[in-house]
Amino acid sequence: MSSNDWFRKSTWAKEDEDDFFAHLEKIDNPFHKAQYVRIQALHLQDVGNPLMLYSAIKLVELMIERWPEPSQLAMAYLQKAECLEALGYTKEAIEAFRNSLAAERAFPKMRTSASLSFGMFAVSHELSDLYSEVLSVLDEFPDAVNSPEREFQNSVIRSFIAAYQGDADKARNYALEAINANQKTYSGRRFDSSTLGLIEKPDSDMHKKLCDIAGL
């Protein structure tokens, strides 16, 4: 077993939880405590079942309450928002997304994908009352668009919102940009021929909608 496995558990039985907190108790640095709790929450979130999602939320909330390290808060709130969305708590997820964005404003050295995740959340659930806010946030955090996957998300969001607003030309242009980003082979980063930042499993329904908007 790796020495780092204690904060990367994919199971959360009582013995797992006890082992995690026993290790955490030995850590003195508040930043490291916050980081380890957030990383463990992410591993439980990735498992994806409701029990693990609730456990991930509890860990994130513990981090926010006891070790609110500025560099970790934006990601922590984003993880909470994603867990709440997966569990169907739309209203609570909106609040967590906004908290993530606020934390990023307060600590701009730590950039996240919160602006894009918030936008994808809004268009996926057709929350049209959020569309103006989403566009404002996308414009506020342009640096978030730094990979083909994020280019795809940015274009999808803008295309769907433009279509809703009745701007067919803008919607079509953004739809074509999204389709192009979806087809990229490399990440576009210098000296990087890996699949880092690529879209692994495009959503077929979303792709069909983009093609319809683009007139393909």
Protein backbone atom coordinates (compact mmCIF):
# COMPACT_ATOMS: atom_id res chain seq x y z
CA MET A 1 0.00 0.00 0.00
CA SER A 2 1.31 3.44 -0.92
CA SER A 3 2.01 5.89 1.88
CA ASN A 4 -0.47 8.27 0.19
CA ASP A 5 -3.36 5.82 0.08
CA TRP A 6 -4.70 7.00 3.41
CA PHE A 7 -6.16 10.16 1.82
CA ARG A 8 -7.09 8.56 -1.52
CA LYS A 9 -9.57 5.95 -0.34
CA SER A 10 -12.35 4.79 -2.66
CA THR A 11 -14.25 3.05 0.17
CA TRP A 12 -15.57 4.70 3.30
CA ALA A 13 -16.45 2.03 5.85
CA LYS A 14 -15.92 2.90 9.51
CA GLU A 15 -12.41 1.48 9.45
CA ASP A 16 -11.58 3.63 6.40
CA GLU A 17 -12.89 6.75 8.07
CA ASP A 18 -11.11 5.97 11.35
CA ASP A 19 -7.84 5.34 9.52
CA PHE A 20 -8.14 8.59 7.58
CA PHE A 21 -8.75 10.73 10.64
CA ALA A 22 -6.02 8.95 12.60
CA HIS A 23 -3.54 9.97 9.91
CA LEU A 24 -5.02 13.45 9.66
CA GLU A 25 -4.59 13.97 13.39
CA LYS A 26 -0.83 13.64 12.95
CA ILE A 27 -0.72 16.55 10.48
CA ASP A 28 0.07 19.92 12.04
CA ASN A 29 -0.01 22.20 8.98
CA PRO A 30 -3.56 23.56 8.42
CA PHE A 31 -2.95 23.88 4.68
CA HIS A 32 -2.00 20.22 4.40
CA LYS A 33 -4.99 19.19 6.50
CA ALA A 34 -7.30 21.11 4.17
CA GLN A 35 -5.65 19.64 1.10
CA TYR A 36 -5.80 16.05 2.35
CA VAL A 37 -9.47 16.36 3.34
CA ARG A 38 -10.39 17.87 -0.03
CA ILE A 39 -8.47 15.22 -1.98
CA GLN A 40 -10.12 12.43 0.00
CA ALA A 41 -13.50 13.99 -0.69
CA LEU A 42 -12.69 14.07 -4.40
CA HIS A 43 -11.88 10.34 -4.43
CA LEU A 44 -15.21 9.54 -2.77
CA GLN A 45 -16.98 11.86 -5.21
CA ASP A 46 -15.41 9.99 -8.12
CA VAL A 47 -16.96 6.73 -6.90
CA GLY A 48 -20.26 8.46 -7.58
CA ASN A 49 -22.87 6.56 -5.60
CA PRO A 50 -25.14 8.54 -3.25
CA LEU A 51 -23.49 7.32 -0.04
CA MET A 52 -20.07 8.38 -1.27
CA LEU A 53 -21.40 11.71 -2.54
CA TYR A 54 -22.92 12.50 0.85
CA SER A 55 -19.66 11.49 2.55
CA ALA A 56 -17.70 13.72 0.17
CA ILE A 57 -19.96 16.65 1.02
CA LYS A 58 -19.44 16.06 4.75
CA LEU A 59 -15.67 16.05 4.30
CA VAL A 60 -15.72 19.23 2.23
CA GLU A 61 -17.93 20.96 4.78
CA LEU A 62 -15.54 19.87 7.53
CA MET A 63 -12.63 21.37 5.61
CA ILE A 64 -14.49 24.64 5.05
CA GLU A 65 -15.44 24.90 8.71
CA ARG A 66 -12.16 23.88 10.36
CA TRP A 67 -9.39 24.54 7.81
CA PRO A 68 -10.69 27.19 5.39
CA GLU A 69 -7.44 27.61 3.49
CA PRO A 70 -7.97 30.29 0.79
CA SER A 71 -6.14 28.26 -1.86
CA GLN A 72 -8.42 25.28 -1.30
CA LEU A 73 -11.82 26.93 -0.89
CA ALA A 74 -12.74 27.43 -4.55
CA MET A 75 -12.10 23.79 -5.38
CA ALA A 76 -13.82 22.62 -2.20
CA TYR A 77 -17.01 24.54 -2.99
CA LEU A 78 -16.86 23.36 -6.60
CA GLN A 79 -16.65 19.73 -5.48
CA LYS A 80 -19.59 20.33 -3.15
CA ALA A 81 -21.60 21.86 -5.99
CA GLU A 82 -20.90 18.89 -8.26
CA CYS A 83 -21.91 16.43 -5.54
CA LEU A 84 -25.11 18.33 -4.82
CA GLU A 85 -25.96 18.42 -8.52
CA ALA A 86 -25.40 14.67 -8.82
CA LEU A 87 -27.74 14.15 -5.86
CA GLY A 88 -30.42 16.36 -7.40
CA TYR A 89 -30.13 19.32 -5.02
CA THR A 90 -30.30 22.05 -7.65
CA LYS A 91 -30.90 25.06 -5.39
CA GLU A 92 -28.12 24.06 -3.01
CA ALA A 93 -25.78 23.40 -5.93
CA ILE A 94 -26.32 26.93 -7.24
CA GLU A 95 -25.28 28.36 -3.87
CA ALA A 96 -22.16 26.18 -3.81
CA PHE A 97 -21.18 27.22 -7.35
CA ARG A 98 -21.53 30.86 -6.36
CA ASN A 99 -19.44 30.26 -3.25
CA SER A 100 -16.76 28.66 -5.40
CA LEU A 101 -16.66 31.65 -7.72
CA ALA A 102 -16.54 34.04 -4.77
CA ALA A 103 -13.61 32.09 -3.29
CA GLU A 104 -11.80 32.27 -6.62
CA ARG A 105 -12.29 36.03 -6.72
CA ALA A 106 -10.87 36.28 -3.22
CA PHE A 107 -7.85 34.13 -4.10
CA PRO A 108 -7.22 34.59 -7.84
CA LYS A 109 -3.92 32.71 -7.78
CA MET A 110 -5.90 29.47 -7.64
CA ARG A 111 -7.91 29.06 -10.84
CA THR A 112 -10.63 26.45 -11.22
CA SER A 113 -13.19 25.44 -13.84
CA ALA A 114 -16.05 26.75 -11.68
CA SER A 115 -17.20 29.28 -14.28
CA LEU A 116 -17.53 26.57 -16.93
CA SER A 117 -18.99 23.99 -14.57
CA PHE A 118 -21.58 26.52 -13.45
CA GLY A 119 -22.45 27.26 -17.08
CA MET A 120 -22.73 23.60 -18.05
CA PHE A 121 -24.90 23.04 -14.98
CA ALA A 122 -27.22 25.88 -16.01
CA VAL A 123 -27.66 24.85 -19.65
CA SER A 124 -27.90 21.13 -18.83
CA HIS A 125 -30.81 21.82 -16.48
CA GLU A 126 -32.20 24.61 -18.71
CA LEU A 127 -32.08 27.13 -15.85
CA SER A 128 -32.67 30.13 -18.07
CA ASP A 129 -32.92 32.53 -15.13
CA LEU A 130 -29.18 31.95 -14.62
CA TYR A 131 -28.10 32.59 -18.21
CA SER A 132 -27.19 36.27 -17.83
CA GLU A 133 -25.17 35.46 -14.73
CA VAL A 134 -23.45 32.58 -16.52
CA LEU A 135 -22.37 34.75 -19.45
CA SER A 136 -21.05 37.39 -17.06
CA VAL A 137 -19.03 34.77 -15.19
CA LEU A 138 -17.59 33.33 -18.41
CA ASP A 139 -16.43 36.80 -19.41
CA GLU A 140 -14.98 37.35 -15.94
CA PHE A 141 -12.85 34.19 -16.00
CA PRO A 142 -11.54 33.83 -19.59
CA ASP A 143 -8.38 32.06 -18.36
CA ALA A 144 -10.51 29.04 -17.46
CA VAL A 145 -10.73 28.18 -21.17
CA ASN A 146 -7.32 26.52 -21.44
CA SER A 147 -7.89 23.08 -22.97
CA PRO A 148 -9.99 21.49 -25.74
CA GLU A 149 -12.46 20.21 -23.15
CA ARG A 150 -12.90 23.67 -21.70
CA GLU A 151 -13.09 25.24 -25.15
CA PHE A 152 -15.85 22.76 -25.87
CA GLN A 153 -17.71 23.64 -22.67
CA ASN A 154 -17.39 27.38 -23.26
CA SER A 155 -18.75 27.07 -26.81
CA VAL A 156 -21.56 24.72 -25.77
CA ILE A 157 -22.71 27.10 -23.05
CA ARG A 158 -22.62 30.15 -25.31
CA SER A 159 -24.30 28.28 -28.18
CA PHE A 160 -27.18 26.98 -26.09
CA ILE A 161 -27.76 30.36 -24.45
CA ALA A 162 -27.64 32.18 -27.80
CA ALA A 163 -30.15 29.67 -29.21
CA TYR A 164 -32.45 30.26 -26.24
CA GLN A 165 -32.15 34.02 -26.78
CA GLY A 166 -33.06 33.65 -30.44
CA ASP A 167 -29.67 34.64 -31.88
CA ALA A 168 -29.40 31.90 -34.50
CA ASP A 169 -26.17 33.14 -36.12
CA LYS A 170 -24.26 33.39 -32.86
CA ALA A 171 -25.65 30.04 -31.72
CA ARG A 172 -24.54 28.39 -34.97
CA ASN A 173 -21.03 29.85 -34.80
CA TYR A 174 -20.53 28.70 -31.23
CA ALA A 175 -21.96 25.26 -32.07
CA LEU A 176 -19.41 24.88 -34.85
CA GLU A 177 -16.64 25.94 -32.45
CA ALA A 178 -17.80 23.32 -29.96
CA ILE A 179 -17.85 20.57 -32.59
CA ASN A 180 -14.37 21.59 -33.70
CA ALA A 181 -13.04 21.54 -30.13
CA ASN A 182 -14.62 18.13 -29.67
CA GLN A 183 -12.67 16.78 -32.64
CA LYS A 184 -9.23 18.03 -31.57
CA THR A 185 -6.58 15.32 -31.27
CA TYR A 186 -4.09 17.07 -29.01
CA SER A 187 -4.40 19.35 -26.05
CA GLY A 188 -2.80 22.28 -27.90
CA ARG A 189 -0.18 22.75 -25.20
CA ARG A 190 3.42 23.05 -26.28
CA PHE A 191 5.43 19.82 -26.00
CA ASP A 192 2.26 17.94 -25.06
CA SER A 193 1.01 15.14 -27.29
CA SER A 194 -0.94 13.40 -24.56
CA THR A 195 -4.70 13.36 -24.16
CA LEU A 196 -4.57 15.75 -21.22
CA GLY A 197 -7.54 18.12 -21.37
CA LEU A 198 -9.37 16.22 -24.08
CA ILE A 199 -13.02 15.22 -24.14
CA GLU A 200 -13.05 11.50 -23.50
CA LYS A 201 -16.75 10.65 -23.85
CA PRO A 202 -18.78 13.30 -25.69
CA ASP A 203 -22.46 13.29 -24.74
CA SER A 204 -24.39 11.99 -27.77
CA ASP A 205 -27.52 14.02 -26.99
CA MET A 206 -25.48 17.18 -26.57
CA HIS A 207 -23.61 16.50 -29.81
CA LYS A 208 -26.92 16.01 -31.66
CA LYS A 209 -28.24 19.28 -30.30
CA LEU A 210 -25.06 21.08 -31.39
CA CYS A 211 -25.38 19.59 -34.88
CA ASP A 212 -29.00 20.72 -35.06
CA ILE A 213 -28.04 24.26 -34.04
CA ALA A 214 -25.14 24.26 -36.51
CA GLY A 215 -27.38 22.98 -39.30
CA LEU A 216 -25.28 19.88 -39.93
